[in-house]
mmCIF file of all heavy atoms, coordinates in Angstrom:
data_MODEL
# 
_entry.id   MODEL 
# 
loop_
_atom_site.group_PDB 
_atom_site.id 
_atom_site.type_symbol 
_atom_site.label_atom_id 
_atom_site.label_alt_id 
_atom_site.label_comp_id 
_atom_site.label_asym_id 
_atom_site.label_entity_id 
_atom_site.label_seq_id 
_atom_site.pdbx_PDB_ins_code 
_atom_site.Cartn_x 
_atom_site.Cartn_y 
_atom_site.Cartn_z 
_atom_site.occupancy 
_atom_site.B_iso_or_equiv 
_atom_site.pdbx_formal_charge 
_atom_site.auth_seq_id 
_atom_site.auth_comp_id 
_atom_site.auth_asym_id 
_atom_site.auth_atom_id 
_atom_site.pdbx_PDB_model_num 
ATOM 1   N N   . GLU A 1 1  ? 46.236 -116.113 301.990 1.00 0.00 ? 1  GLU A N   1 
ATOM 2   C CA  . GLU A 1 1  ? 47.217 -117.169 301.764 1.00 0.00 ? 1  GLU A CA  1 
ATOM 3   C C   . GLU A 1 1  ? 47.243 -117.543 300.300 1.00 0.00 ? 1  GLU A C   1 
ATOM 4   O O   . GLU A 1 1  ? 46.201 -117.766 299.679 1.00 0.00 ? 1  GLU A O   1 
ATOM 5   C CB  . GLU A 1 1  ? 46.848 -118.379 302.608 1.00 0.00 ? 1  GLU A CB  1 
ATOM 6   C CG  . GLU A 1 1  ? 47.839 -119.515 302.519 1.00 0.00 ? 1  GLU A CG  1 
ATOM 7   C CD  . GLU A 1 1  ? 47.460 -120.648 303.431 1.00 0.00 ? 1  GLU A CD  1 
ATOM 8   O OE1 . GLU A 1 1  ? 47.666 -120.530 304.648 1.00 0.00 ? 1  GLU A OE1 1 
ATOM 9   O OE2 . GLU A 1 1  ? 46.937 -121.662 302.914 1.00 0.00 ? 1  GLU A OE2 1 
ATOM 10  N N   . PRO A 1 2  ? 48.455 -117.648 299.683 1.00 0.00 ? 2  PRO A N   1 
ATOM 11  C CA  . PRO A 1 2  ? 48.541 -118.026 298.271 1.00 0.00 ? 2  PRO A CA  1 
ATOM 12  C C   . PRO A 1 2  ? 47.891 -119.382 298.026 1.00 0.00 ? 2  PRO A C   1 
ATOM 13  O O   . PRO A 1 2  ? 47.970 -120.287 298.858 1.00 0.00 ? 2  PRO A O   1 
ATOM 14  C CB  . PRO A 1 2  ? 50.051 -118.079 298.012 1.00 0.00 ? 2  PRO A CB  1 
ATOM 15  C CG  . PRO A 1 2  ? 50.651 -117.225 299.087 1.00 0.00 ? 2  PRO A CG  1 
ATOM 16  C CD  . PRO A 1 2  ? 49.756 -117.377 300.273 1.00 0.00 ? 2  PRO A CD  1 
ATOM 17  N N   . GLN A 1 3  ? 47.244 -119.518 296.902 1.00 0.00 ? 3  GLN A N   1 
ATOM 18  C CA  . GLN A 1 3  ? 46.558 -120.752 296.554 1.00 0.00 ? 3  GLN A CA  1 
ATOM 19  C C   . GLN A 1 3  ? 47.292 -121.451 295.404 1.00 0.00 ? 3  GLN A C   1 
ATOM 20  O O   . GLN A 1 3  ? 48.001 -120.830 294.634 1.00 0.00 ? 3  GLN A O   1 
ATOM 21  C CB  . GLN A 1 3  ? 45.112 -120.450 296.125 1.00 0.00 ? 3  GLN A CB  1 
ATOM 22  C CG  . GLN A 1 3  ? 44.302 -119.765 297.207 1.00 0.00 ? 3  GLN A CG  1 
ATOM 23  C CD  . GLN A 1 3  ? 44.123 -120.619 298.436 1.00 0.00 ? 3  GLN A CD  1 
ATOM 24  O OE1 . GLN A 1 3  ? 43.832 -121.809 298.349 1.00 0.00 ? 3  GLN A OE1 1 
ATOM 25  N NE2 . GLN A 1 3  ? 44.311 -120.011 299.613 1.00 0.00 ? 3  GLN A NE2 1 
ATOM 26  N N   . GLU A 1 4  ? 47.099 -122.768 295.331 1.00 0.00 ? 4  GLU A N   1 
ATOM 27  C CA  . GLU A 1 4  ? 47.722 -123.527 294.255 1.00 0.00 ? 4  GLU A CA  1 
ATOM 28  C C   . GLU A 1 4  ? 47.045 -123.198 292.929 1.00 0.00 ? 4  GLU A C   1 
ATOM 29  O O   . GLU A 1 4  ? 45.825 -123.030 292.855 1.00 0.00 ? 4  GLU A O   1 
ATOM 30  C CB  . GLU A 1 4  ? 47.613 -125.024 294.525 1.00 0.00 ? 4  GLU A CB  1 
ATOM 31  C CG  . GLU A 1 4  ? 48.252 -125.866 293.438 1.00 0.00 ? 4  GLU A CG  1 
ATOM 32  C CD  . GLU A 1 4  ? 48.263 -127.339 293.787 1.00 0.00 ? 4  GLU A CD  1 
ATOM 33  O OE1 . GLU A 1 4  ? 47.639 -127.713 294.798 1.00 0.00 ? 4  GLU A OE1 1 
ATOM 34  O OE2 . GLU A 1 4  ? 48.900 -128.095 293.049 1.00 0.00 ? 4  GLU A OE2 1 
ATOM 35  N N   . ARG A 1 5  ? 47.855 -123.141 291.883 1.00 0.00 ? 5  ARG A N   1 
ATOM 36  C CA  . ARG A 1 5  ? 47.338 -122.928 290.535 1.00 0.00 ? 5  ARG A CA  1 
ATOM 37  C C   . ARG A 1 5  ? 47.419 -124.257 289.795 1.00 0.00 ? 5  ARG A C   1 
ATOM 38  O O   . ARG A 1 5  ? 48.507 -124.681 289.390 1.00 0.00 ? 5  ARG A O   1 
ATOM 39  C CB  . ARG A 1 5  ? 48.156 -121.865 289.812 1.00 0.00 ? 5  ARG A CB  1 
ATOM 40  C CG  . ARG A 1 5  ? 48.126 -120.502 290.499 1.00 0.00 ? 5  ARG A CG  1 
ATOM 41  C CD  . ARG A 1 5  ? 49.030 -119.539 289.775 1.00 0.00 ? 5  ARG A CD  1 
ATOM 42  N NE  . ARG A 1 5  ? 48.990 -118.221 290.367 1.00 0.00 ? 5  ARG A NE  1 
ATOM 43  C CZ  . ARG A 1 5  ? 49.649 -117.174 289.872 1.00 0.00 ? 5  ARG A CZ  1 
ATOM 44  N NH1 . ARG A 1 5  ? 50.377 -117.304 288.789 1.00 0.00 ? 5  ARG A NH1 1 
ATOM 45  N NH2 . ARG A 1 5  ? 49.564 -115.999 290.467 1.00 0.00 ? 5  ARG A NH2 1 
ATOM 46  N N   . PRO A 1 6  ? 46.317 -124.929 289.581 1.00 0.00 ? 6  PRO A N   1 
ATOM 47  C CA  . PRO A 1 6  ? 46.349 -126.269 288.984 1.00 0.00 ? 6  PRO A CA  1 
ATOM 48  C C   . PRO A 1 6  ? 47.035 -126.309 287.626 1.00 0.00 ? 6  PRO A C   1 
ATOM 49  O O   . PRO A 1 6  ? 47.644 -127.318 287.274 1.00 0.00 ? 6  PRO A O   1 
ATOM 50  C CB  . PRO A 1 6  ? 44.860 -126.639 288.881 1.00 0.00 ? 6  PRO A CB  1 
ATOM 51  C CG  . PRO A 1 6  ? 44.189 -125.790 289.917 1.00 0.00 ? 6  PRO A CG  1 
ATOM 52  C CD  . PRO A 1 6  ? 44.961 -124.513 289.964 1.00 0.00 ? 6  PRO A CD  1 
ATOM 53  N N   . ALA A 1 7  ? 46.924 -125.229 286.863 1.00 0.00 ? 7  ALA A N   1 
ATOM 54  C CA  . ALA A 1 7  ? 47.492 -125.240 285.516 1.00 0.00 ? 7  ALA A CA  1 
ATOM 55  C C   . ALA A 1 7  ? 48.921 -124.711 285.477 1.00 0.00 ? 7  ALA A C   1 
ATOM 56  O O   . ALA A 1 7  ? 49.550 -124.699 284.427 1.00 0.00 ? 7  ALA A O   1 
ATOM 57  C CB  . ALA A 1 7  ? 46.616 -124.403 284.572 1.00 0.00 ? 7  ALA A CB  1 
ATOM 58  N N   . GLY A 1 8  ? 49.453 -124.275 286.605 1.00 0.00 ? 8  GLY A N   1 
ATOM 59  C CA  . GLY A 1 8  ? 50.768 -123.652 286.623 1.00 0.00 ? 8  GLY A CA  1 
ATOM 60  C C   . GLY A 1 8  ? 51.910 -124.659 286.577 1.00 0.00 ? 8  GLY A C   1 
ATOM 61  O O   . GLY A 1 8  ? 51.742 -125.849 286.845 1.00 0.00 ? 8  GLY A O   1 
ATOM 62  N N   . VAL A 1 9  ? 53.105 -124.153 286.215 1.00 0.00 ? 9  VAL A N   1 
ATOM 63  C CA  . VAL A 1 9  ? 54.298 -124.994 286.157 1.00 0.00 ? 9  VAL A CA  1 
ATOM 64  C C   . VAL A 1 9  ? 55.253 -124.575 287.270 1.00 0.00 ? 9  VAL A C   1 
ATOM 65  O O   . VAL A 1 9  ? 55.148 -123.483 287.829 1.00 0.00 ? 9  VAL A O   1 
ATOM 66  C CB  . VAL A 1 9  ? 54.987 -124.898 284.782 1.00 0.00 ? 9  VAL A CB  1 
ATOM 67  C CG1 . VAL A 1 9  ? 54.054 -125.378 283.685 1.00 0.00 ? 9  VAL A CG1 1 
ATOM 68  C CG2 . VAL A 1 9  ? 55.466 -123.476 284.504 1.00 0.00 ? 9  VAL A CG2 1 
ATOM 69  N N   . ASP A 1 10 ? 56.199 -125.452 287.583 1.00 0.00 ? 10 ASP A N   1 
ATOM 70  C CA  . ASP A 1 10 ? 57.151 -125.173 288.655 1.00 0.00 ? 10 ASP A CA  1 
ATOM 71  C C   . ASP A 1 10 ? 58.369 -124.397 288.155 1.00 0.00 ? 10 ASP A C   1 
ATOM 72  O O   . ASP A 1 10 ? 58.844 -123.481 288.820 1.00 0.00 ? 10 ASP A O   1 
ATOM 73  C CB  . ASP A 1 10 ? 57.590 -126.480 289.308 1.00 0.00 ? 10 ASP A CB  1 
ATOM 74  C CG  . ASP A 1 10 ? 56.435 -127.183 289.999 1.00 0.00 ? 10 ASP A CG  1 
ATOM 75  O OD1 . ASP A 1 10 ? 55.794 -126.552 290.857 1.00 0.00 ? 10 ASP A OD1 1 
ATOM 76  O OD2 . ASP A 1 10 ? 56.157 -128.346 289.662 1.00 0.00 ? 10 ASP A OD2 1 
ATOM 77  N N   . VAL A 1 11 ? 58.895 -124.800 287.016 1.00 0.00 ? 11 VAL A N   1 
ATOM 78  C CA  . VAL A 1 11 ? 60.031 -124.110 286.412 1.00 0.00 ? 11 VAL A CA  1 
ATOM 79  C C   . VAL A 1 11 ? 59.867 -124.115 284.899 1.00 0.00 ? 11 VAL A C   1 
ATOM 80  O O   . VAL A 1 11 ? 59.050 -124.866 284.352 1.00 0.00 ? 11 VAL A O   1 
ATOM 81  C CB  . VAL A 1 11 ? 61.386 -124.780 286.772 1.00 0.00 ? 11 VAL A CB  1 
ATOM 82  C CG1 . VAL A 1 11 ? 61.677 -124.670 288.260 1.00 0.00 ? 11 VAL A CG1 1 
ATOM 83  C CG2 . VAL A 1 11 ? 61.428 -126.226 286.312 1.00 0.00 ? 11 VAL A CG2 1 
ATOM 84  N N   . LEU A 1 12 ? 60.666 -123.285 284.245 1.00 0.00 ? 12 LEU A N   1 
ATOM 85  C CA  . LEU A 1 12 ? 60.702 -123.239 282.787 1.00 0.00 ? 12 LEU A CA  1 
ATOM 86  C C   . LEU A 1 12 ? 62.046 -123.761 282.300 1.00 0.00 ? 12 LEU A C   1 
ATOM 87  O O   . LEU A 1 12 ? 63.079 -123.519 282.927 1.00 0.00 ? 12 LEU A O   1 
ATOM 88  C CB  . LEU A 1 12 ? 60.496 -121.807 282.287 1.00 0.00 ? 12 LEU A CB  1 
ATOM 89  C CG  . LEU A 1 12 ? 59.201 -121.105 282.703 1.00 0.00 ? 12 LEU A CG  1 
ATOM 90  C CD1 . LEU A 1 12 ? 59.230 -119.644 282.266 1.00 0.00 ? 12 LEU A CD1 1 
ATOM 91  C CD2 . LEU A 1 12 ? 57.990 -121.810 282.110 1.00 0.00 ? 12 LEU A CD2 1 
ATOM 92  N N   . ILE A 1 13 ? 62.032 -124.457 281.174 1.00 0.00 ? 13 ILE A N   1 
ATOM 93  C CA  . ILE A 1 13 ? 63.247 -124.973 280.552 1.00 0.00 ? 13 ILE A CA  1 
ATOM 94  C C   . ILE A 1 13 ? 63.352 -124.394 279.151 1.00 0.00 ? 13 ILE A C   1 
ATOM 95  O O   . ILE A 1 13 ? 62.415 -124.485 278.355 1.00 0.00 ? 13 ILE A O   1 
ATOM 96  C CB  . ILE A 1 13 ? 63.215 -126.522 280.458 1.00 0.00 ? 13 ILE A CB  1 
ATOM 97  C CG1 . ILE A 1 13 ? 63.090 -127.134 281.841 1.00 0.00 ? 13 ILE A CG1 1 
ATOM 98  C CG2 . ILE A 1 13 ? 64.457 -127.033 279.738 1.00 0.00 ? 13 ILE A CG2 1 
ATOM 99  C CD1 . ILE A 1 13 ? 64.291 -126.930 282.720 1.00 0.00 ? 13 ILE A CD1 1 
ATOM 100 N N   . CYS A 1 14 ? 64.499 -123.781 278.846 1.00 0.00 ? 14 CYS A N   1 
ATOM 101 C CA  . CYS A 1 14 ? 64.685 -123.181 277.529 1.00 0.00 ? 14 CYS A CA  1 
ATOM 102 C C   . CYS A 1 14 ? 66.172 -123.065 277.241 1.00 0.00 ? 14 CYS A C   1 
ATOM 103 O O   . CYS A 1 14 ? 67.006 -123.214 278.149 1.00 0.00 ? 14 CYS A O   1 
ATOM 104 C CB  . CYS A 1 14 ? 64.007 -121.802 277.462 1.00 0.00 ? 14 CYS A CB  1 
ATOM 105 S SG  . CYS A 1 14 ? 64.689 -120.610 278.633 1.00 0.00 ? 14 CYS A SG  1 
ATOM 106 N N   . PRO A 1 15 ? 66.559 -122.784 276.008 1.00 0.00 ? 15 PRO A N   1 
ATOM 107 C CA  . PRO A 1 15 ? 67.985 -122.570 275.717 1.00 0.00 ? 15 PRO A CA  1 
ATOM 108 C C   . PRO A 1 15 ? 68.498 -121.311 276.412 1.00 0.00 ? 15 PRO A C   1 
ATOM 109 O O   . PRO A 1 15 ? 67.738 -120.389 276.716 1.00 0.00 ? 15 PRO A O   1 
ATOM 110 C CB  . PRO A 1 15 ? 68.020 -122.416 274.196 1.00 0.00 ? 15 PRO A CB  1 
ATOM 111 C CG  . PRO A 1 15 ? 66.743 -123.014 273.704 1.00 0.00 ? 15 PRO A CG  1 
ATOM 112 C CD  . PRO A 1 15 ? 65.741 -122.764 274.795 1.00 0.00 ? 15 PRO A CD  1 
ATOM 113 N N   . THR A 1 16 ? 69.807 -121.271 276.655 1.00 0.00 ? 16 THR A N   1 
ATOM 114 C CA  . THR A 1 16 ? 70.426 -120.070 277.202 1.00 0.00 ? 16 THR A CA  1 
ATOM 115 C C   . THR A 1 16 ? 70.777 -119.094 276.096 1.00 0.00 ? 16 THR A C   1 
ATOM 116 O O   . THR A 1 16 ? 70.595 -117.879 276.238 1.00 0.00 ? 16 THR A O   1 
ATOM 117 C CB  . THR A 1 16 ? 71.702 -120.432 277.983 1.00 0.00 ? 16 THR A CB  1 
ATOM 118 O OG1 . THR A 1 16 ? 71.387 -121.427 278.961 1.00 0.00 ? 16 THR A OG1 1 
ATOM 119 C CG2 . THR A 1 16 ? 72.277 -119.209 278.679 1.00 0.00 ? 16 THR A CG2 1 
ATOM 120 N N   . ALA A 1 17 ? 71.278 -119.596 274.982 1.00 0.00 ? 17 ALA A N   1 
ATOM 121 C CA  . ALA A 1 17 ? 71.654 -118.762 273.834 1.00 0.00 ? 17 ALA A CA  1 
ATOM 122 C C   . ALA A 1 17 ? 71.086 -119.395 272.575 1.00 0.00 ? 17 ALA A C   1 
ATOM 123 O O   . ALA A 1 17 ? 70.970 -120.628 272.490 1.00 0.00 ? 17 ALA A O   1 
ATOM 124 C CB  . ALA A 1 17 ? 73.170 -118.644 273.731 1.00 0.00 ? 17 ALA A CB  1 
ATOM 125 N N   . PRO A 1 18 ? 70.749 -118.594 271.568 1.00 0.00 ? 18 PRO A N   1 
ATOM 126 C CA  . PRO A 1 18 ? 70.140 -119.150 270.363 1.00 0.00 ? 18 PRO A CA  1 
ATOM 127 C C   . PRO A 1 18 ? 71.110 -119.893 269.455 1.00 0.00 ? 18 PRO A C   1 
ATOM 128 O O   . PRO A 1 18 ? 70.684 -120.678 268.615 1.00 0.00 ? 18 PRO A O   1 
ATOM 129 C CB  . PRO A 1 18 ? 69.571 -117.914 269.654 1.00 0.00 ? 18 PRO A CB  1 
ATOM 130 C CG  . PRO A 1 18 ? 70.396 -116.775 270.168 1.00 0.00 ? 18 PRO A CG  1 
ATOM 131 C CD  . PRO A 1 18 ? 70.760 -117.124 271.573 1.00 0.00 ? 18 PRO A CD  1 
ATOM 132 N N   . THR A 1 19 ? 72.418 -119.654 269.616 1.00 0.00 ? 19 THR A N   1 
ATOM 133 C CA  . THR A 1 19 ? 73.416 -120.274 268.750 1.00 0.00 ? 19 THR A CA  1 
ATOM 134 C C   . THR A 1 19 ? 74.615 -120.716 269.576 1.00 0.00 ? 19 THR A C   1 
ATOM 135 O O   . THR A 1 19 ? 74.810 -120.244 270.703 1.00 0.00 ? 19 THR A O   1 
ATOM 136 C CB  . THR A 1 19 ? 73.911 -119.283 267.675 1.00 0.00 ? 19 THR A CB  1 
ATOM 137 O OG1 . THR A 1 19 ? 74.596 -118.195 268.322 1.00 0.00 ? 19 THR A OG1 1 
ATOM 138 C CG2 . THR A 1 19 ? 72.749 -118.741 266.843 1.00 0.00 ? 19 THR A CG2 1 
ATOM 139 N N   . PRO A 1 20 ? 75.449 -121.600 269.038 1.00 0.00 ? 20 PRO A N   1 
ATOM 140 C CA  . PRO A 1 20 ? 76.732 -121.889 269.686 1.00 0.00 ? 20 PRO A CA  1 
ATOM 141 C C   . PRO A 1 20 ? 77.612 -120.639 269.654 1.00 0.00 ? 20 PRO A C   1 
ATOM 142 O O   . PRO A 1 20 ? 77.315 -119.665 268.957 1.00 0.00 ? 20 PRO A O   1 
ATOM 143 C CB  . PRO A 1 20 ? 77.331 -123.005 268.803 1.00 0.00 ? 20 PRO A CB  1 
ATOM 144 C CG  . PRO A 1 20 ? 76.163 -123.576 268.059 1.00 0.00 ? 20 PRO A CG  1 
ATOM 145 C CD  . PRO A 1 20 ? 75.214 -122.441 267.852 1.00 0.00 ? 20 PRO A CD  1 
ATOM 146 N N   . PRO A 1 21 ? 78.716 -120.620 270.419 1.00 0.00 ? 21 PRO A N   1 
ATOM 147 C CA  . PRO A 1 21 ? 79.560 -119.426 270.461 1.00 0.00 ? 21 PRO A CA  1 
ATOM 148 C C   . PRO A 1 21 ? 80.163 -119.092 269.102 1.00 0.00 ? 21 PRO A C   1 
ATOM 149 O O   . PRO A 1 21 ? 80.711 -119.979 268.433 1.00 0.00 ? 21 PRO A O   1 
ATOM 150 C CB  . PRO A 1 21 ? 80.650 -119.789 271.480 1.00 0.00 ? 21 PRO A CB  1 
ATOM 151 C CG  . PRO A 1 21 ? 80.611 -121.270 271.593 1.00 0.00 ? 21 PRO A CG  1 
ATOM 152 C CD  . PRO A 1 21 ? 79.206 -121.670 271.324 1.00 0.00 ? 21 PRO A CD  1 
ATOM 153 N N   . PRO A 1 22 ? 80.074 -117.825 268.676 1.00 0.00 ? 22 PRO A N   1 
ATOM 154 C CA  . PRO A 1 22 ? 80.700 -117.421 267.413 1.00 0.00 ? 22 PRO A CA  1 
ATOM 155 C C   . PRO A 1 22 ? 82.208 -117.234 267.591 1.00 0.00 ? 22 PRO A C   1 
ATOM 156 O O   . PRO A 1 22 ? 82.718 -117.205 268.720 1.00 0.00 ? 22 PRO A O   1 
ATOM 157 C CB  . PRO A 1 22 ? 80.018 -116.085 267.112 1.00 0.00 ? 22 PRO A CB  1 
ATOM 158 C CG  . PRO A 1 22 ? 79.701 -115.534 268.468 1.00 0.00 ? 22 PRO A CG  1 
ATOM 159 C CD  . PRO A 1 22 ? 79.373 -116.719 269.337 1.00 0.00 ? 22 PRO A CD  1 
ATOM 160 N N   . SER A 1 23 ? 82.927 -117.108 266.493 1.00 0.00 ? 23 SER A N   1 
ATOM 161 C CA  . SER A 1 23 ? 84.361 -116.842 266.572 1.00 0.00 ? 23 SER A CA  1 
ATOM 162 C C   . SER A 1 23 ? 84.593 -115.390 266.987 1.00 0.00 ? 23 SER A C   1 
ATOM 163 O O   . SER A 1 23 ? 83.774 -114.508 266.693 1.00 0.00 ? 23 SER A O   1 
ATOM 164 C CB  . SER A 1 23 ? 85.035 -117.093 265.222 1.00 0.00 ? 23 SER A CB  1 
ATOM 165 O OG  . SER A 1 23 ? 84.632 -116.120 264.271 1.00 0.00 ? 23 SER A OG  1 
ATOM 166 N N   . ILE A 1 24 ? 85.693 -115.139 267.677 1.00 0.00 ? 24 ILE A N   1 
ATOM 167 C CA  . ILE A 1 24 ? 86.020 -113.768 268.066 1.00 0.00 ? 24 ILE A CA  1 
ATOM 168 C C   . ILE A 1 24 ? 86.264 -112.919 266.830 1.00 0.00 ? 24 ILE A C   1 
ATOM 169 O O   . ILE A 1 24 ? 85.905 -111.735 266.789 1.00 0.00 ? 24 ILE A O   1 
ATOM 170 C CB  . ILE A 1 24 ? 87.243 -113.760 269.003 1.00 0.00 ? 24 ILE A CB  1 
ATOM 171 C CG1 . ILE A 1 24 ? 86.854 -114.336 270.365 1.00 0.00 ? 24 ILE A CG1 1 
ATOM 172 C CG2 . ILE A 1 24 ? 87.804 -112.353 269.168 1.00 0.00 ? 24 ILE A CG2 1 
ATOM 173 C CD1 . ILE A 1 24 ? 87.963 -114.346 271.375 1.00 0.00 ? 24 ILE A CD1 1 
# 
């Protein structure tokens, strides 16, 4: 049976893209 990891996180939060959208 899987065990709890005390130091683990539930989800990660980060940017989707490194910059705003460039011009075409």
